[in-house]
Amino acid sequence: MQHQIRQAGLHDRNEVGRLFNEYRMFYNQNADIEAARQYIKERLERHESVILVAETDVESDHGTDESKGMPISSSLHYTGFVQLYPSFSSVSLGPIWVLNDLFVHPDYRQQGIARKLLQAAKRLASERGVLRISLSTELSNKQAQALYESEGYARDTKFMYYELYV
């Protein structure tokens, strides 16, 4: 299986919205595919987020072309995404990104897709002059923490974060 990472466009809203709906369900939200698709559509239309999507080339079971030893047909499946929200650092006087959402469909986990999404986000941020990528994860999510740390993310030891729900 080949995994490709690319920036999502408006034409990807339905499939990215499907994955986004599954991501939300992972966090115990009710399924709402239409609301998820609308949310993704609005972020893309308004340029309020950067979304990278993983596509996996899945061979269909139609046999092989004996002369080439290749599958007769294959298709691309959307298997994961990362969503980054642009922001700014007043102290550093430059742009930053908040990595808010990272999701790989359960059928495609443990294949390096999340790592490829993180690496692609880092490359794109560097190309665009982004100073840093920030993220948060649940304290209990040791697997994600290990992945982030293996990709160079460092746990913040200087600041305490607060939230106010309004």
N, C-alpha and C. Protein backbone atom coordinates (compact mmCIF):
# COMPACT_ATOMS: atom_id res chain seq x y z
N MET A 1 0.84 -1.18 0.00
CA MET A 1 0.00 0.00 0.00
C MET A 1 0.88 1.24 0.00
N GLN A 2 0.53 2.18 -0.84
CA GLN A 2 1.23 3.46 -0.92
C GLN A 2 0.39 4.53 -0.23
N HIS A 3 1.04 5.33 0.61
CA HIS A 3 0.36 6.43 1.30
C HIS A 3 0.86 7.74 0.72
N GLN A 4 -0.08 8.59 0.32
CA GLN A 4 0.26 9.90 -0.22
C GLN A 4 -0.34 10.97 0.69
N ILE A 5 0.41 12.03 0.90
CA ILE A 5 -0.07 13.16 1.70
C ILE A 5 -0.12 14.37 0.79
N ARG A 6 -1.23 15.10 0.84
CA ARG A 6 -1.36 16.32 0.05
C ARG A 6 -2.28 17.28 0.79
N GLN A 7 -2.22 18.55 0.39
CA GLN A 7 -3.10 19.54 0.98
C GLN A 7 -4.50 19.36 0.42
N ALA A 8 -5.47 19.38 1.29
CA ALA A 8 -6.87 19.24 0.88
C ALA A 8 -7.39 20.55 0.31
N GLY A 9 -8.28 20.42 -0.64
CA GLY A 9 -8.97 21.57 -1.22
C GLY A 9 -10.46 21.42 -1.02
N LEU A 10 -11.20 22.38 -1.47
CA LEU A 10 -12.65 22.38 -1.29
C LEU A 10 -13.29 21.11 -1.87
N HIS A 11 -12.73 20.59 -2.95
CA HIS A 11 -13.28 19.38 -3.56
C HIS A 11 -13.14 18.14 -2.67
N ASP A 12 -12.34 18.23 -1.61
CA ASP A 12 -12.15 17.11 -0.68
C ASP A 12 -13.10 17.16 0.51
N ARG A 13 -13.96 18.18 0.57
CA ARG A 13 -14.74 18.42 1.78
C ARG A 13 -15.59 17.23 2.21
N ASN A 14 -16.16 16.49 1.30
CA ASN A 14 -17.03 15.38 1.70
C ASN A 14 -16.25 14.25 2.35
N GLU A 15 -15.13 13.85 1.75
CA GLU A 15 -14.35 12.76 2.32
C GLU A 15 -13.61 13.19 3.59
N VAL A 16 -13.07 14.40 3.60
CA VAL A 16 -12.43 14.89 4.82
C VAL A 16 -13.49 15.05 5.90
N GLY A 17 -14.67 15.52 5.53
CA GLY A 17 -15.78 15.65 6.48
C GLY A 17 -16.17 14.30 7.08
N ARG A 18 -16.12 13.24 6.27
CA ARG A 18 -16.42 11.90 6.77
C ARG A 18 -15.39 11.50 7.83
N LEU A 19 -14.12 11.71 7.53
CA LEU A 19 -13.08 11.39 8.51
C LEU A 19 -13.20 12.27 9.76
N PHE A 20 -13.51 13.55 9.55
CA PHE A 20 -13.67 14.48 10.67
C PHE A 20 -14.82 14.04 11.57
N ASN A 21 -15.90 13.53 10.99
CA ASN A 21 -17.01 13.02 11.77
C ASN A 21 -16.56 11.83 12.63
N GLU A 22 -15.76 10.94 12.05
CA GLU A 22 -15.25 9.79 12.80
C GLU A 22 -14.30 10.25 13.92
N TYR A 23 -13.49 11.26 13.62
CA TYR A 23 -12.60 11.83 14.62
C TYR A 23 -13.40 12.37 15.81
N ARG A 24 -14.47 13.09 15.54
CA ARG A 24 -15.31 13.64 16.60
C ARG A 24 -15.97 12.53 17.42
N MET A 25 -16.40 11.47 16.74
CA MET A 25 -17.00 10.34 17.43
C MET A 25 -15.98 9.67 18.36
N PHE A 26 -14.71 9.64 17.94
CA PHE A 26 -13.63 9.11 18.78
C PHE A 26 -13.58 9.88 20.11
N TYR A 27 -13.91 11.16 20.07
CA TYR A 27 -13.93 12.00 21.26
C TYR A 27 -15.34 12.11 21.85
N ASN A 28 -16.12 11.07 21.66
CA ASN A 28 -17.44 10.89 22.29
C ASN A 28 -18.48 11.94 21.89
N GLN A 29 -18.34 12.47 20.68
CA GLN A 29 -19.36 13.37 20.15
C GLN A 29 -20.35 12.55 19.33
N ASN A 30 -21.57 13.02 19.24
CA ASN A 30 -22.57 12.33 18.42
C ASN A 30 -22.23 12.45 16.95
N ALA A 31 -22.51 11.40 16.21
CA ALA A 31 -22.28 11.42 14.76
C ALA A 31 -23.18 12.47 14.12
N ASP A 32 -22.61 13.27 13.26
CA ASP A 32 -23.36 14.26 12.49
C ASP A 32 -22.56 14.58 11.24
N ILE A 33 -22.68 13.71 10.25
CA ILE A 33 -21.86 13.80 9.04
C ILE A 33 -22.10 15.12 8.31
N GLU A 34 -23.32 15.58 8.27
CA GLU A 34 -23.59 16.83 7.54
C GLU A 34 -22.95 18.03 8.25
N ALA A 35 -23.05 18.08 9.56
CA ALA A 35 -22.42 19.17 10.31
C ALA A 35 -20.89 19.11 10.16
N ALA A 36 -20.33 17.90 10.18
CA ALA A 36 -18.88 17.75 10.02
C ALA A 36 -18.45 18.22 8.64
N ARG A 37 -19.17 17.85 7.61
CA ARG A 37 -18.84 18.29 6.25
C ARG A 37 -18.97 19.80 6.11
N GLN A 38 -20.00 20.36 6.71
CA GLN A 38 -20.21 21.82 6.65
C GLN A 38 -19.06 22.54 7.37
N TYR A 39 -18.65 22.01 8.50
CA TYR A 39 -17.56 22.62 9.26
C TYR A 39 -16.27 22.63 8.42
N ILE A 40 -15.95 21.51 7.82
CA ILE A 40 -14.75 21.41 6.98
C ILE A 40 -14.88 22.34 5.78
N LYS A 41 -16.04 22.36 5.16
CA LYS A 41 -16.27 23.25 4.01
C LYS A 41 -16.01 24.70 4.38
N GLU A 42 -16.54 25.14 5.52
CA GLU A 42 -16.36 26.53 5.96
C GLU A 42 -14.89 26.85 6.25
N ARG A 43 -14.18 25.93 6.90
CA ARG A 43 -12.77 26.18 7.18
C ARG A 43 -11.99 26.35 5.88
N LEU A 44 -12.29 25.51 4.89
CA LEU A 44 -11.58 25.57 3.61
C LEU A 44 -11.96 26.82 2.82
N GLU A 45 -13.25 27.11 2.74
CA GLU A 45 -13.71 28.30 1.99
C GLU A 45 -13.15 29.59 2.58
N ARG A 46 -13.10 29.67 3.89
CA ARG A 46 -12.66 30.89 4.57
C ARG A 46 -11.14 30.94 4.80
N HIS A 47 -10.45 29.88 4.38
CA HIS A 47 -8.99 29.77 4.58
C HIS A 47 -8.65 29.90 6.06
N GLU A 48 -9.49 29.29 6.90
CA GLU A 48 -9.29 29.35 8.34
C GLU A 48 -8.47 28.19 8.88
N SER A 49 -8.22 27.20 8.06
CA SER A 49 -7.35 26.11 8.48
C SER A 49 -6.64 25.54 7.27
N VAL A 50 -5.57 24.84 7.55
CA VAL A 50 -4.83 24.09 6.53
C VAL A 50 -5.06 22.63 6.86
N ILE A 51 -5.54 21.88 5.89
CA ILE A 51 -5.82 20.47 6.11
C ILE A 51 -4.95 19.66 5.15
N LEU A 52 -4.23 18.72 5.72
CA LEU A 52 -3.48 17.76 4.92
C LEU A 52 -4.21 16.43 5.02
N VAL A 53 -4.34 15.76 3.91
CA VAL A 53 -5.08 14.50 3.86
C VAL A 53 -4.13 13.39 3.43
N ALA A 54 -4.35 12.21 4.01
CA ALA A 54 -3.62 11.01 3.61
C ALA A 54 -4.54 10.17 2.74
N GLU A 55 -4.00 9.77 1.61
CA GLU A 55 -4.72 8.86 0.72
C GLU A 55 -3.88 7.59 0.60
N THR A 56 -4.57 6.47 0.62
CA THR A 56 -3.88 5.20 0.50
C THR A 56 -4.38 4.49 -0.74
N ASP A 57 -3.43 4.06 -1.55
CA ASP A 57 -3.74 3.32 -2.77
C ASP A 57 -4.03 1.88 -2.39
N VAL A 58 -5.29 1.48 -2.50
CA VAL A 58 -5.72 0.15 -2.11
C VAL A 58 -5.99 -0.66 -3.36
N GLU A 59 -5.29 -1.77 -3.49
CA GLU A 59 -5.48 -2.63 -4.66
C GLU A 59 -6.82 -3.33 -4.56
N SER A 60 -7.54 -3.33 -5.67
CA SER A 60 -8.81 -4.04 -5.69
C SER A 60 -8.54 -5.51 -5.99
N ASP A 61 -9.50 -6.33 -5.76
CA ASP A 61 -9.33 -7.77 -5.90
C ASP A 61 -9.83 -8.24 -7.27
N HIS A 62 -9.27 -7.64 -8.33
CA HIS A 62 -9.69 -8.01 -9.68
C HIS A 62 -8.59 -8.76 -10.41
N GLY A 63 -7.65 -9.31 -9.68
CA GLY A 63 -6.58 -10.06 -10.33
C GLY A 63 -5.42 -9.17 -10.71
N THR A 64 -4.47 -9.75 -11.47
CA THR A 64 -3.31 -9.01 -11.89
C THR A 64 -3.09 -9.14 -13.38
N ASP A 65 -2.39 -8.16 -13.92
CA ASP A 65 -1.96 -8.18 -15.32
C ASP A 65 -0.70 -9.02 -15.34
N GLU A 66 -0.79 -10.22 -15.83
CA GLU A 66 0.33 -11.16 -15.78
C GLU A 66 1.56 -10.61 -16.49
N SER A 67 1.39 -9.86 -17.57
CA SER A 67 2.54 -9.35 -18.32
C SER A 67 3.35 -8.34 -17.52
N LYS A 68 2.69 -7.65 -16.60
CA LYS A 68 3.37 -6.62 -15.82
C LYS A 68 3.47 -6.98 -14.34
N GLY A 69 2.76 -8.02 -13.92
CA GLY A 69 2.76 -8.38 -12.51
C GLY A 69 2.14 -7.32 -11.64
N MET A 70 1.26 -6.50 -12.21
CA MET A 70 0.65 -5.38 -11.50
C MET A 70 -0.84 -5.64 -11.31
N PRO A 71 -1.43 -5.07 -10.25
CA PRO A 71 -2.88 -5.21 -10.10
C PRO A 71 -3.59 -4.52 -11.26
N ILE A 72 -4.69 -5.08 -11.64
CA ILE A 72 -5.45 -4.51 -12.76
C ILE A 72 -6.03 -3.15 -12.38
N SER A 73 -6.49 -3.02 -11.18
CA SER A 73 -7.02 -1.72 -10.78
C SER A 73 -6.77 -1.48 -9.30
N SER A 74 -6.79 -0.23 -8.94
CA SER A 74 -6.64 0.17 -7.55
C SER A 74 -7.44 1.44 -7.35
N SER A 75 -7.63 1.83 -6.11
CA SER A 75 -8.35 3.06 -5.84
C SER A 75 -7.76 3.74 -4.62
N LEU A 76 -7.93 5.05 -4.57
CA LEU A 76 -7.44 5.83 -3.44
C LEU A 76 -8.52 5.96 -2.38
N HIS A 77 -8.14 5.72 -1.14
CA HIS A 77 -9.04 5.88 -0.01
C HIS A 77 -8.47 6.96 0.90
N TYR A 78 -9.33 7.85 1.37
CA TYR A 78 -8.93 8.85 2.36
C TYR A 78 -8.77 8.11 3.68
N THR A 79 -7.56 8.15 4.23
CA THR A 79 -7.29 7.34 5.41
C THR A 79 -6.93 8.15 6.65
N GLY A 80 -6.65 9.44 6.50
CA GLY A 80 -6.32 10.26 7.65
C GLY A 80 -6.20 11.72 7.28
N PHE A 81 -6.11 12.55 8.30
CA PHE A 81 -5.95 14.00 8.05
C PHE A 81 -5.32 14.65 9.26
N VAL A 82 -4.77 15.81 9.02
CA VAL A 82 -4.31 16.69 10.09
C VAL A 82 -4.86 18.08 9.76
N GLN A 83 -5.38 18.76 10.78
CA GLN A 83 -5.92 20.11 10.59
C GLN A 83 -5.12 21.09 11.45
N LEU A 84 -4.65 22.13 10.79
CA LEU A 84 -3.80 23.13 11.43
C LEU A 84 -4.49 24.49 11.35
N TYR A 85 -4.52 25.19 12.47
CA TYR A 85 -5.15 26.50 12.51
C TYR A 85 -4.08 27.58 12.62
N PRO A 86 -4.04 28.50 11.66
CA PRO A 86 -3.06 29.59 11.72
C PRO A 86 -3.35 30.52 12.90
N SER A 87 -2.28 30.97 13.52
CA SER A 87 -2.35 31.96 14.59
C SER A 87 -1.06 32.77 14.54
N PHE A 88 -0.83 33.56 15.58
CA PHE A 88 0.36 34.40 15.61
C PHE A 88 0.95 34.41 17.00
N SER A 89 2.24 34.63 17.06
CA SER A 89 2.94 34.82 18.33
C SER A 89 3.33 36.28 18.43
N SER A 90 2.78 36.96 19.41
CA SER A 90 3.12 38.37 19.62
C SER A 90 4.57 38.52 20.05
N VAL A 91 5.03 37.64 20.90
CA VAL A 91 6.40 37.73 21.41
C VAL A 91 7.41 37.44 20.30
N SER A 92 7.14 36.42 19.49
CA SER A 92 8.07 36.05 18.42
C SER A 92 7.86 36.85 17.14
N LEU A 93 6.78 37.63 17.11
CA LEU A 93 6.46 38.47 15.96
C LEU A 93 6.32 37.68 14.66
N GLY A 94 5.60 36.56 14.75
CA GLY A 94 5.44 35.78 13.54
C GLY A 94 4.32 34.76 13.63
N PRO A 95 4.08 34.07 12.51
CA PRO A 95 2.99 33.10 12.45
C PRO A 95 3.33 31.79 13.15
N ILE A 96 2.32 31.21 13.75
CA ILE A 96 2.41 29.87 14.33
C ILE A 96 1.19 29.08 13.85
N TRP A 97 1.24 27.79 13.98
CA TRP A 97 0.09 26.93 13.68
C TRP A 97 -0.26 26.14 14.92
N VAL A 98 -1.55 25.94 15.12
CA VAL A 98 -2.05 25.07 16.17
C VAL A 98 -2.54 23.79 15.50
N LEU A 99 -1.86 22.69 15.82
CA LEU A 99 -2.28 21.39 15.31
C LEU A 99 -3.40 20.93 16.23
N ASN A 100 -4.61 21.04 15.73
CA ASN A 100 -5.77 20.77 16.57
C ASN A 100 -6.32 19.37 16.38
N ASP A 101 -6.21 18.84 15.16
CA ASP A 101 -6.83 17.56 14.85
C ASP A 101 -5.86 16.68 14.06
N LEU A 102 -5.66 15.47 14.53
CA LEU A 102 -4.89 14.46 13.82
C LEU A 102 -5.66 13.16 13.95
N PHE A 103 -5.98 12.55 12.82
CA PHE A 103 -6.80 11.34 12.85
C PHE A 103 -6.40 10.41 11.72
N VAL A 104 -6.29 9.13 12.05
CA VAL A 104 -6.11 8.08 11.06
C VAL A 104 -7.23 7.07 11.29
N HIS A 105 -7.89 6.70 10.21
CA HIS A 105 -8.98 5.72 10.30
C HIS A 105 -8.45 4.45 10.97
N PRO A 106 -9.22 3.86 11.88
CA PRO A 106 -8.75 2.67 12.61
C PRO A 106 -8.24 1.53 11.72
N ASP A 107 -8.80 1.37 10.54
CA ASP A 107 -8.36 0.30 9.64
C ASP A 107 -6.95 0.53 9.09
N TYR A 108 -6.43 1.74 9.23
CA TYR A 108 -5.14 2.08 8.63
C TYR A 108 -4.10 2.51 9.65
N ARG A 109 -4.36 2.28 10.92
CA ARG A 109 -3.40 2.68 11.95
C ARG A 109 -2.20 1.72 11.97
N GLN A 110 -1.13 2.18 12.58
CA GLN A 110 0.12 1.42 12.70
C GLN A 110 0.78 1.18 11.34
N GLN A 111 0.53 2.09 10.39
CA GLN A 111 1.16 1.99 9.07
C GLN A 111 2.02 3.22 8.77
N GLY A 112 2.23 4.07 9.75
CA GLY A 112 3.07 5.24 9.58
C GLY A 112 2.36 6.45 9.00
N ILE A 113 1.05 6.41 8.87
CA ILE A 113 0.30 7.50 8.26
C ILE A 113 0.33 8.75 9.15
N ALA A 114 0.11 8.60 10.44
CA ALA A 114 0.13 9.76 11.35
C ALA A 114 1.50 10.42 11.30
N ARG A 115 2.56 9.63 11.29
CA ARG A 115 3.92 10.17 11.21
C ARG A 115 4.10 10.96 9.90
N LYS A 116 3.63 10.40 8.80
CA LYS A 116 3.76 11.10 7.51
C LYS A 116 2.97 12.40 7.51
N LEU A 117 1.80 12.41 8.14
CA LEU A 117 1.02 13.64 8.24
C LEU A 117 1.77 14.69 9.05
N LEU A 118 2.36 14.29 10.17
CA LEU A 118 3.14 15.23 10.99
C LEU A 118 4.34 15.77 10.23
N GLN A 119 5.02 14.91 9.51
CA GLN A 119 6.20 15.33 8.75
C GLN A 119 5.81 16.28 7.62
N ALA A 120 4.69 16.01 6.97
CA ALA A 120 4.22 16.90 5.90
C ALA A 120 3.81 18.26 6.47
N ALA A 121 3.18 18.25 7.65
CA ALA A 121 2.80 19.52 8.30
C ALA A 121 4.05 20.33 8.63
N LYS A 122 5.08 19.68 9.11
CA LYS A 122 6.33 20.37 9.44
C LYS A 122 6.97 20.97 8.19
N ARG A 123 7.02 20.20 7.10
CA ARG A 123 7.59 20.71 5.84
C ARG A 123 6.82 21.92 5.34
N LEU A 124 5.49 21.83 5.33
CA LEU A 124 4.66 22.92 4.83
C LEU A 124 4.82 24.16 5.72
N ALA A 125 4.87 23.95 7.02
CA ALA A 125 5.06 25.08 7.94
C ALA A 125 6.39 25.76 7.65
N SER A 126 7.42 24.99 7.45
CA SER A 126 8.74 25.55 7.15
C SER A 126 8.72 26.34 5.84
N GLU A 127 8.07 25.78 4.82
CA GLU A 127 7.96 26.46 3.52
C GLU A 127 7.23 27.79 3.64
N ARG A 128 6.28 27.87 4.55
CA ARG A 128 5.45 29.07 4.69
C ARG A 128 5.95 30.03 5.76
N GLY A 129 7.08 29.75 6.34
CA GLY A 129 7.66 30.66 7.33
C GLY A 129 7.01 30.61 8.69
N VAL A 130 6.33 29.52 8.99
CA VAL A 130 5.70 29.36 10.30
C VAL A 130 6.79 29.08 11.33
N LEU A 131 6.71 29.76 12.47
CA LEU A 131 7.76 29.65 13.49
C LEU A 131 7.69 28.37 14.30
N ARG A 132 6.47 27.92 14.60
CA ARG A 132 6.32 26.70 15.39
C ARG A 132 4.91 26.14 15.21
N ILE A 133 4.80 24.87 15.54
CA ILE A 133 3.51 24.19 15.57
C ILE A 133 3.27 23.78 17.02
N SER A 134 2.12 24.17 17.56
CA SER A 134 1.75 23.81 18.93
C SER A 134 0.62 22.79 18.89
N LEU A 135 0.58 21.94 19.87
CA LEU A 135 -0.52 20.97 19.97
C LEU A 135 -0.73 20.60 21.42
N SER A 136 -1.86 20.01 21.68
CA SER A 136 -2.12 19.44 23.00
C SER A 136 -2.73 18.06 22.79
N THR A 137 -2.56 17.22 23.78
CA THR A 137 -3.14 15.88 23.73
C THR A 137 -3.53 15.48 25.15
N GLU A 138 -4.43 14.53 25.24
CA GLU A 138 -4.86 14.08 26.56
C GLU A 138 -3.69 13.50 27.33
N LEU A 139 -3.68 13.73 28.63
CA LEU A 139 -2.60 13.22 29.47
C LEU A 139 -2.47 11.70 29.38
N SER A 140 -3.58 11.02 29.15
CA SER A 140 -3.57 9.55 29.10
C SER A 140 -3.16 8.99 27.74
N ASN A 141 -3.03 9.84 26.74
CA ASN A 141 -2.74 9.36 25.39
C ASN A 141 -1.23 9.18 25.18
N LYS A 142 -0.70 8.17 25.81
CA LYS A 142 0.75 7.91 25.78
C LYS A 142 1.25 7.57 24.38
N GLN A 143 0.44 6.88 23.59
CA GLN A 143 0.86 6.51 22.24
C GLN A 143 1.08 7.76 21.39
N ALA A 144 0.14 8.71 21.46
CA ALA A 144 0.29 9.95 20.70
C ALA A 144 1.48 10.75 21.22
N GLN A 145 1.65 10.80 22.53
CA GLN A 145 2.77 11.53 23.10
C GLN A 145 4.10 10.96 22.60
N ALA A 146 4.21 9.65 22.54
CA ALA A 146 5.44 9.03 22.05
C ALA A 146 5.69 9.39 20.58
N LEU A 147 4.64 9.41 19.79
CA LEU A 147 4.77 9.79 18.38
C LEU A 147 5.24 11.23 18.27
N TYR A 148 4.57 12.14 18.98
CA TYR A 148 4.94 13.56 18.90
C TYR A 148 6.39 13.77 19.32
N GLU A 149 6.77 13.17 20.41
CA GLU A 149 8.15 13.33 20.90
C GLU A 149 9.16 12.74 19.93
N SER A 150 8.81 11.63 19.27
CA SER A 150 9.73 11.03 18.29
C SER A 150 9.89 11.91 17.05
N GLU A 151 8.94 12.82 16.84
CA GLU A 151 9.00 13.75 15.70
C GLU A 151 9.54 15.12 16.11
N GLY A 152 10.07 15.22 17.33
CA GLY A 152 10.74 16.45 17.76
C GLY A 152 9.89 17.41 18.58
N TYR A 153 8.64 17.09 18.83
CA TYR A 153 7.81 17.95 19.67
C TYR A 153 8.28 17.81 21.11
N ALA A 154 8.35 18.91 21.82
CA ALA A 154 8.80 18.90 23.22
C ALA A 154 7.65 19.34 24.12
N ARG A 155 7.54 18.67 25.24
CA ARG A 155 6.52 19.03 26.23
C ARG A 155 6.86 20.39 26.82
N ASP A 156 5.87 21.25 26.92
CA ASP A 156 6.07 22.59 27.48
C ASP A 156 6.28 22.48 28.98
N THR A 157 7.35 23.09 29.45
CA THR A 157 7.63 23.08 30.88
C THR A 157 7.66 24.50 31.47
N LYS A 158 7.35 25.51 30.61
CA LYS A 158 7.42 26.90 31.07
C LYS A 158 6.06 27.50 31.39
N PHE A 159 5.02 27.04 30.69
CA PHE A 159 3.73 27.69 30.82
C PHE A 159 2.67 26.71 31.30
N MET A 160 1.69 27.24 32.02
CA MET A 160 0.51 26.51 32.40
C MET A 160 -0.63 27.07 31.56
N TYR A 161 -1.45 26.22 31.05
CA TYR A 161 -2.55 26.64 30.19
C TYR A 161 -3.87 26.61 30.94
N TYR A 162 -4.70 27.58 30.65
CA TYR A 162 -6.04 27.68 31.24
C TYR A 162 -7.07 27.79 30.13
N GLU A 163 -8.29 27.44 30.45
CA GLU A 163 -9.40 27.58 29.52
C GLU A 163 -10.57 28.23 30.22
N LEU A 164 -11.32 28.99 29.48
CA LEU A 164 -12.55 29.59 29.98
C LEU A 164 -13.65 29.25 28.98
N TYR A 165 -14.63 28.52 29.41
CA TYR A 165 -15.76 28.19 28.54
C TYR A 165 -16.81 29.28 28.68
N VAL A 166 -17.26 29.82 27.57
CA VAL A 166 -18.24 30.89 27.58
C VAL A 166 -19.51 30.50 26.88
